[in-house]
Protein backbone atom coordinates (compact mmCIF):
# COMPACT_ATOMS: atom_id res chain seq x y z
CA MET A 1 54.69 55.88 115.19
CA LYS A 2 55.74 55.92 111.54
CA PRO A 3 58.30 58.31 110.78
CA TYR A 4 57.09 59.14 107.31
CA PRO A 5 55.12 62.24 107.99
CA TYR A 6 58.03 63.88 109.95
CA LEU A 7 60.16 62.97 107.12
CA ALA A 8 57.90 64.55 104.53
CA ALA A 9 57.46 67.74 106.67
CA VAL A 10 61.47 68.16 106.82
CA LEU A 11 61.64 67.49 103.03
CA THR A 12 58.84 70.08 102.50
CA LEU A 13 60.73 72.62 104.61
CA SER A 14 64.41 71.94 103.09
CA LEU A 15 63.51 71.65 99.40
CA PRO A 16 62.73 75.35 99.11
CA VAL A 17 65.91 76.22 101.14
CA LEU A 18 68.14 73.81 98.83
CA ALA A 19 66.61 75.27 95.64
CA ALA A 20 67.13 78.91 96.76
CA ALA A 21 70.82 77.95 97.73
CA TYR A 22 71.16 76.29 94.33
CA ALA A 23 69.72 79.12 92.59
CA ALA A 24 71.81 81.61 94.56
CA THR A 25 75.08 79.62 93.49
CA ARG A 26 74.06 79.47 89.92
CA THR A 27 73.41 83.25 89.70
CA TRP A 28 76.68 84.34 91.27
CA ALA A 29 78.95 81.29 89.98
CA MET A 30 77.78 80.92 86.52
CA GLU A 31 75.66 83.63 85.19
CA ALA A 32 77.52 86.54 87.12
CA PRO A 33 80.77 84.30 87.08
CA CYS A 34 82.76 84.66 90.39
CA ASP A 35 85.95 82.65 90.24
CA ALA A 36 86.18 79.39 91.83
CA ARG A 37 89.65 78.72 91.56
CA GLY A 38 90.68 80.32 94.90
CA TYR A 39 89.14 78.00 97.19
CA SER A 40 91.07 75.76 99.19
CA ASP A 41 90.36 74.24 102.91
CA ASP A 42 91.69 77.45 104.33
CA ALA A 43 90.21 80.12 101.78
CA TYR A 44 86.92 81.29 101.21
CA LEU A 45 85.36 83.88 98.87
CA ALA A 46 85.24 87.23 100.53
CA TYR A 47 84.45 89.44 97.45
CA CYS A 48 83.25 88.96 93.92
CA GLN A 49 82.67 92.06 91.69
CA ASN A 50 79.13 91.62 90.68
CA ALA A 51 75.78 92.68 92.05
CA ALA A 52 74.78 89.14 92.87
CA PHE A 53 77.55 88.70 95.29
CA GLY A 54 79.61 91.66 96.04
CA ASP A 55 81.07 91.64 99.67
CA TYR A 56 81.10 88.70 102.30
CA GLU A 57 83.95 89.48 104.38
CA HIS A 58 82.26 92.05 106.56
CA ALA A 59 79.70 89.76 107.68
CA ALA A 60 81.99 86.89 108.00
CA TYR A 61 83.67 88.53 110.90
CA ASP A 62 80.94 90.57 112.26
CA ARG A 63 78.50 88.00 112.23
CA LEU A 64 80.94 84.98 113.11
CA LEU A 65 80.03 83.08 109.78
CA GLU A 66 83.63 82.01 109.50
CA PRO A 67 84.17 80.24 112.65
CA ARG A 68 87.90 79.21 112.06
CA ALA A 69 88.56 82.76 111.06
CA VAL A 70 87.15 84.14 114.19
CA ALA A 71 89.17 81.71 116.48
CA LYS A 72 92.32 82.48 114.33
CA ALA A 73 91.77 86.29 114.96
CA ARG A 74 90.92 85.77 118.52
CA ALA A 75 94.07 83.72 119.15
CA ALA A 76 96.16 86.21 117.26
CA GLU A 77 99.08 87.85 119.05
CA VAL A 78 99.44 90.53 116.30
CA VAL A 79 96.55 92.11 114.78
CA PHE A 80 96.60 94.46 111.63
CA LEU A 81 93.72 97.05 111.04
CA GLY A 82 93.21 99.07 107.74
CA ASN A 83 91.65 99.21 104.48
CA SER A 84 92.42 97.22 101.11
CA ARG A 85 95.95 98.86 100.86
CA LEU A 86 96.90 97.19 104.04
CA GLN A 87 95.58 93.84 102.97
CA VAL A 88 97.48 93.82 99.73
CA ALA A 89 100.85 95.14 101.32
CA PHE A 90 100.76 92.32 103.89
CA SER A 91 99.14 89.39 102.09
CA ARG A 92 102.30 87.66 101.03
CA PRO A 93 104.62 84.79 102.01
CA LEU A 94 107.14 87.29 103.38
CA THR A 95 104.71 88.07 106.24
CA ASP A 96 104.35 84.35 107.01
CA GLY A 97 107.82 84.31 107.13
CA PHE A 98 108.57 87.15 109.55
CA PHE A 99 105.98 85.52 112.22
CA ALA A 100 107.46 82.12 111.81
CA ALA A 101 110.70 83.38 112.57
CA HIS A 102 109.16 85.27 115.67
CA GLY A 103 107.17 82.22 116.68
CA ALA A 104 104.07 84.46 116.80
CA SER A 105 100.76 84.16 115.50
CA TYR A 106 98.92 87.05 113.40
CA HIS A 107 95.79 88.06 111.74
CA LEU A 108 94.94 90.68 108.90
CA LEU A 109 91.76 92.30 109.62
CA GLY A 110 91.79 94.87 107.16
CA PHE A 111 88.62 95.11 105.03
CA GLY A 112 88.00 96.36 101.39
CA TYR A 113 85.55 99.15 100.30
CA GLY A 114 88.17 101.94 101.86
CA GLU A 115 86.97 100.68 105.40
CA SER A 116 87.50 103.34 108.31
CA ALA A 117 87.84 102.69 112.07
CA PRO A 118 84.67 102.68 113.23
CA PHE A 119 83.69 99.41 111.67
CA ALA A 120 86.92 97.83 112.30
CA PHE A 121 86.75 98.61 116.09
CA ARG A 122 83.17 97.16 116.04
CA VAL A 123 84.73 93.99 114.81
CA PHE A 124 87.75 94.20 117.16
CA HIS A 125 85.42 94.42 120.20
CA GLY A 126 82.71 92.27 118.82
CA LEU A 127 85.39 89.47 118.68
CA GLY A 128 86.71 90.29 121.87
CA LEU A 129 90.40 90.32 120.44
CA LYS A 130 93.22 90.92 122.95
CA PRO A 131 96.31 90.93 120.66
CA ARG A 132 99.80 91.86 122.36
CA VAL A 133 100.55 94.05 119.21
CA LEU A 134 98.23 96.18 117.04
CA VAL A 135 99.52 97.40 113.67
CA VAL A 136 97.44 100.01 112.02
CA ASN A 137 97.62 101.58 108.52
CA VAL A 138 96.62 105.26 109.56
CA ALA A 139 96.21 106.76 106.00
CA PRO A 140 93.08 107.60 106.01
CA PHE A 141 91.44 105.37 108.74
CA PHE A 142 90.67 107.33 111.84
CA VAL A 143 87.47 109.08 110.34
CA PRO A 144 84.09 108.83 111.32
CA ALA A 145 82.60 107.16 108.48
CA TRP A 146 81.36 103.83 107.30
CA SER A 147 81.80 102.26 103.74
CA PRO A 148 78.93 101.01 101.81
CA ALA A 149 79.44 97.52 102.92
CA ALA A 150 79.72 98.46 106.43
CA VAL A 151 76.37 100.18 106.19
CA VAL A 152 74.47 97.21 104.82
CA GLU A 153 75.95 95.11 107.50
CA VAL A 154 75.27 97.34 110.45
CA ARG A 155 71.64 97.99 109.14
CA TYR A 156 71.31 94.17 109.11
CA ASN A 157 67.57 93.18 108.51
CA TRP A 158 66.06 89.98 107.13
CA LYS A 159 67.22 90.54 103.77
CA THR A 160 70.83 90.94 104.65
CA ARG A 161 70.47 88.05 106.85
CA VAL A 162 69.23 85.81 104.11
CA ASP A 163 71.86 86.94 101.72
CA VAL A 164 74.81 86.55 103.92
CA LEU A 165 73.87 83.13 105.07
CA LEU A 166 73.21 82.19 101.57
CA LYS A 167 76.63 83.31 100.65
CA ALA A 168 78.14 81.23 103.59
CA ALA A 169 76.25 78.21 102.72
CA THR A 170 76.71 78.16 99.09
CA GLN A 171 80.43 78.57 98.80
CA PRO A 172 81.03 74.67 99.47
CA LEU A 173 78.54 74.09 96.63
CA HIS A 174 80.11 76.52 94.44
CA ARG A 175 83.33 74.86 94.99
CA LEU A 176 82.08 71.31 94.41
CA LEU A 177 80.23 72.24 91.23
CA CYS A 178 83.15 73.96 89.76
CA ASP A 179 85.76 71.45 90.72
CA ARG A 180 83.63 68.67 89.10
CA ASP A 181 82.97 70.71 85.83
CA PRO A 182 84.77 73.84 85.38
CA SER A 183 83.26 74.42 82.11
CA PRO A 184 80.14 76.38 83.57
CA CYS A 185 82.20 78.33 86.03
CA PRO A 186 84.34 80.66 83.76
CA GLY A 187 85.26 83.19 86.23
CA GLY A 188 85.90 86.70 84.89
CA ALA A 189 84.25 88.84 87.77
CA GLU A 190 87.11 90.24 90.01
CA SER A 191 87.17 88.05 92.88
CA VAL A 192 89.24 87.96 96.17
CA PHE A 193 89.48 84.79 98.47
CA ARG A 194 90.73 85.38 102.12
CA SER A 195 92.50 82.82 104.54
CA ARG A 196 90.67 81.76 107.41
CA ALA A 197 94.08 81.08 109.22
CA THR A 198 95.72 84.57 108.51
CA GLY A 199 93.25 86.62 106.93
CA GLN A 200 95.47 87.18 103.92
CA TRP A 201 93.91 87.99 100.65
CA ASP A 202 94.36 86.07 97.66
CA TRP A 203 93.66 88.67 94.83
CA ALA A 204 94.61 87.66 91.37
CA ALA A 205 95.32 91.00 90.20
CA ALA A 206 97.73 91.54 93.05
CA ARG A 207 99.39 88.40 92.80
CA SER A 208 100.32 88.62 89.08
CA SER A 209 100.53 92.63 88.96
CA PRO A 210 100.58 92.65 85.12
CA HIS A 211 100.75 96.29 84.69
CA ALA A 212 102.94 98.34 86.84
CA GLU A 213 102.35 102.10 87.38
CA PRO A 214 105.16 103.97 88.82
CA PHE A 215 104.44 106.86 90.71
CA THR A 216 106.65 109.69 92.36
CA PRO A 217 106.54 110.58 95.98
CA PRO A 218 103.30 112.47 96.53
CA PRO A 219 102.84 115.60 98.47
CA PRO A 220 102.59 115.68 102.23
CA TYR A 221 99.09 115.47 103.69
CA ASP A 222 98.72 118.88 105.05
CA ASP A 223 95.21 119.39 106.21
CA ALA A 224 95.68 120.50 109.74
CA ARG A 225 92.13 120.41 110.83
CA ALA A 226 91.61 116.94 109.51
CA ILE A 227 94.80 115.78 111.20
CA ALA A 228 93.48 117.21 114.52
CA SER A 229 90.26 115.32 114.10
CA ASP A 230 91.77 112.17 113.14
CA ALA A 231 94.16 112.20 116.05
CA ALA A 232 91.38 112.64 118.65
CA LEU A 233 89.50 109.85 117.13
CA ALA A 234 92.47 107.62 117.11
CA GLU A 235 93.22 108.45 120.84
CA GLU A 236 89.52 107.46 121.80
CA LEU A 237 89.64 104.17 119.81
CA LEU A 238 93.20 103.07 120.76
CA ALA A 239 92.63 103.73 124.43
CA GLY A 240 89.85 101.22 124.31
CA SER A 241 91.69 98.65 122.58
CA GLY A 242 93.57 97.15 125.55
CA VAL A 243 96.90 97.32 123.72
CA PRO A 244 99.52 99.38 125.42
CA PRO A 245 100.50 102.48 123.47
CA ALA A 246 103.93 101.44 122.99
CA CYS A 247 102.55 98.19 121.44
CA VAL A 248 100.50 100.07 118.78
CA ILE A 249 102.34 100.38 115.41
CA LEU A 250 101.27 103.02 113.24
CA THR A 251 102.44 103.19 109.57
CA GLN A 252 101.32 104.39 106.03
CA VAL A 253 101.24 101.78 103.14
CA PRO A 254 102.32 104.13 100.38
CA GLU A 255 99.91 105.35 97.73
CA PRO A 256 99.95 107.87 95.00
CA SER A 257 97.39 110.22 96.34
CA ALA A 258 99.20 111.60 99.29
CA ASP A 259 101.96 111.18 101.93
CA TYR A 260 100.36 110.84 104.99
CA ALA A 261 103.53 110.48 107.33
CA PRO A 262 102.33 113.96 108.98
CA LEU A 263 99.18 112.39 110.11
CA VAL A 264 100.93 109.21 111.19
CA ASP A 265 103.31 111.21 113.31
CA ALA A 266 100.59 113.27 114.88
CA VAL A 267 98.57 110.42 115.84
CA ALA A 268 101.80 108.72 117.32
CA ARG A 269 102.58 111.90 119.37
CA ARG A 270 98.92 112.07 120.50
CA THR A 271 98.72 108.38 121.58
CA GLY A 272 102.05 107.51 122.44
CA ALA A 273 102.07 104.75 119.77
CA THR A 274 105.06 103.95 117.56
CA ALA A 275 105.38 105.36 114.10
CA VAL A 276 106.98 103.03 111.30
CA LEU A 277 107.40 104.74 108.11
CA PRO A 278 109.62 103.11 105.78
CA ARG A 279 110.98 105.32 102.83
CA LEU A 280 111.47 103.63 99.37
CA SER A 281 111.69 105.28 95.75
CA GLY A 282 110.75 103.43 92.79
CA LEU A 283 107.42 102.18 93.98
CA ALA A 284 104.69 101.34 91.56
CA THR A 285 100.93 100.20 91.90
CA PHE A 286 99.08 97.69 89.50
CA ASP A 287 95.82 99.70 89.50
CA GLY A 288 96.74 103.26 90.47
CA SER A 289 95.96 102.60 94.38
CA HIS A 290 97.52 99.08 95.54
CA LEU A 291 101.03 98.34 95.61
CA ASP A 292 102.12 95.93 92.82
CA ARG A 293 103.88 92.58 93.61
CA ALA A 294 107.48 93.67 93.70
CA SER A 295 106.75 96.96 95.34
CA GLY A 296 104.61 95.21 98.14
CA ASP A 297 107.66 92.69 98.64
CA ALA A 298 109.98 95.76 99.02
CA TRP A 299 107.94 97.71 101.42
CA ALA A 300 106.60 94.94 103.63
CA ALA A 301 110.35 93.81 103.99
CA ALA A 302 111.56 97.37 105.02
CA PHE A 303 108.61 97.60 107.29
CA PHE A 304 109.33 94.57 109.25
CA ARG A 305 112.76 95.19 109.52
CA GLU A 306 112.12 98.58 111.21
CA ALA A 307 109.01 97.36 113.10
CA ALA A 308 111.10 94.22 114.34
CA PRO A 309 112.09 95.76 117.50
CA ALA A 310 109.03 96.84 118.83
CA ILE A 311 107.22 93.75 117.88
CA ASP A 312 109.80 91.82 119.62
CA ARG A 313 109.64 93.66 122.82
CA CYS A 314 105.82 93.50 122.91
CA LEU A 315 105.72 89.92 122.22
CA GLY A 316 108.49 89.16 124.98
CA ALA A 317 110.75 86.88 122.95
CA PRO A 318 113.65 87.42 120.72
CA VAL A 319 113.38 86.69 117.05
CA THR A 320 114.40 83.09 116.17
CA GLY A 321 115.38 83.84 112.52
CA ALA A 322 116.62 86.45 110.24
CA ALA A 323 114.17 89.18 109.20
CA PRO A 324 113.18 89.13 105.64
């Protein structure tokens, strides 16, 4: 039997898909220009600030669209949960150095859009994670809320499915086209790339931090009702994580809006977790919310110095190098 009819059928079915992929790539790569300079064999485009692309990282983990990232998260001995402030604070070479010194693997599993605990633990359990240490940026995280990106992901319909599959499938094409000829790929839209190996973000604004905005220590968070509610949800979710309370490390990445130390302490008391709250002065953000490069380096170094004994104890091995 001649194969030509079957070949014709395959081409007939494939051409519309290829055309859709090219059209999608052209839309968010060239007309609504997502940056292409952050791609590597390890890094994918997690977010681009335009309506054509928007968020991808929620689906990447929740729908297992990035197999290497999923495998690395599952293998990680230390997992970090939180929002974009956690991602920015720990996305730096210093974090790699700390865990290399400990001979341990880690994965940042924070999400943008001010993501909260319900979606994070949906992913945590969906991936079947079993870390030995869990680090959580508490402020504000343990609230019964879902970000807009999480709502879209959880409602997952045929349109969402097609959208995220196109985002996954067309990134290699975006990289290839822009590597060959950068002229039609001007960038310009705020873009965040993510490491499959560690979950770290590569966000140009955070990396360069061109505009430091110093902030004074904010007032303590004192909403007693909210603190009690957050602590109750934290107790429920952390109890189901499978991580011993002594190996759950709670912290607050500093921000200008409030000092969430009272909340961190309340959650630690209720759950038996370890609170690590470095106190530094002279901190600054690059956008009014996220620590700039110098402040992030200083704060992360202080965090690891204070958290090292608990991490070391839970990993069951002494540090093999100096803390940063």
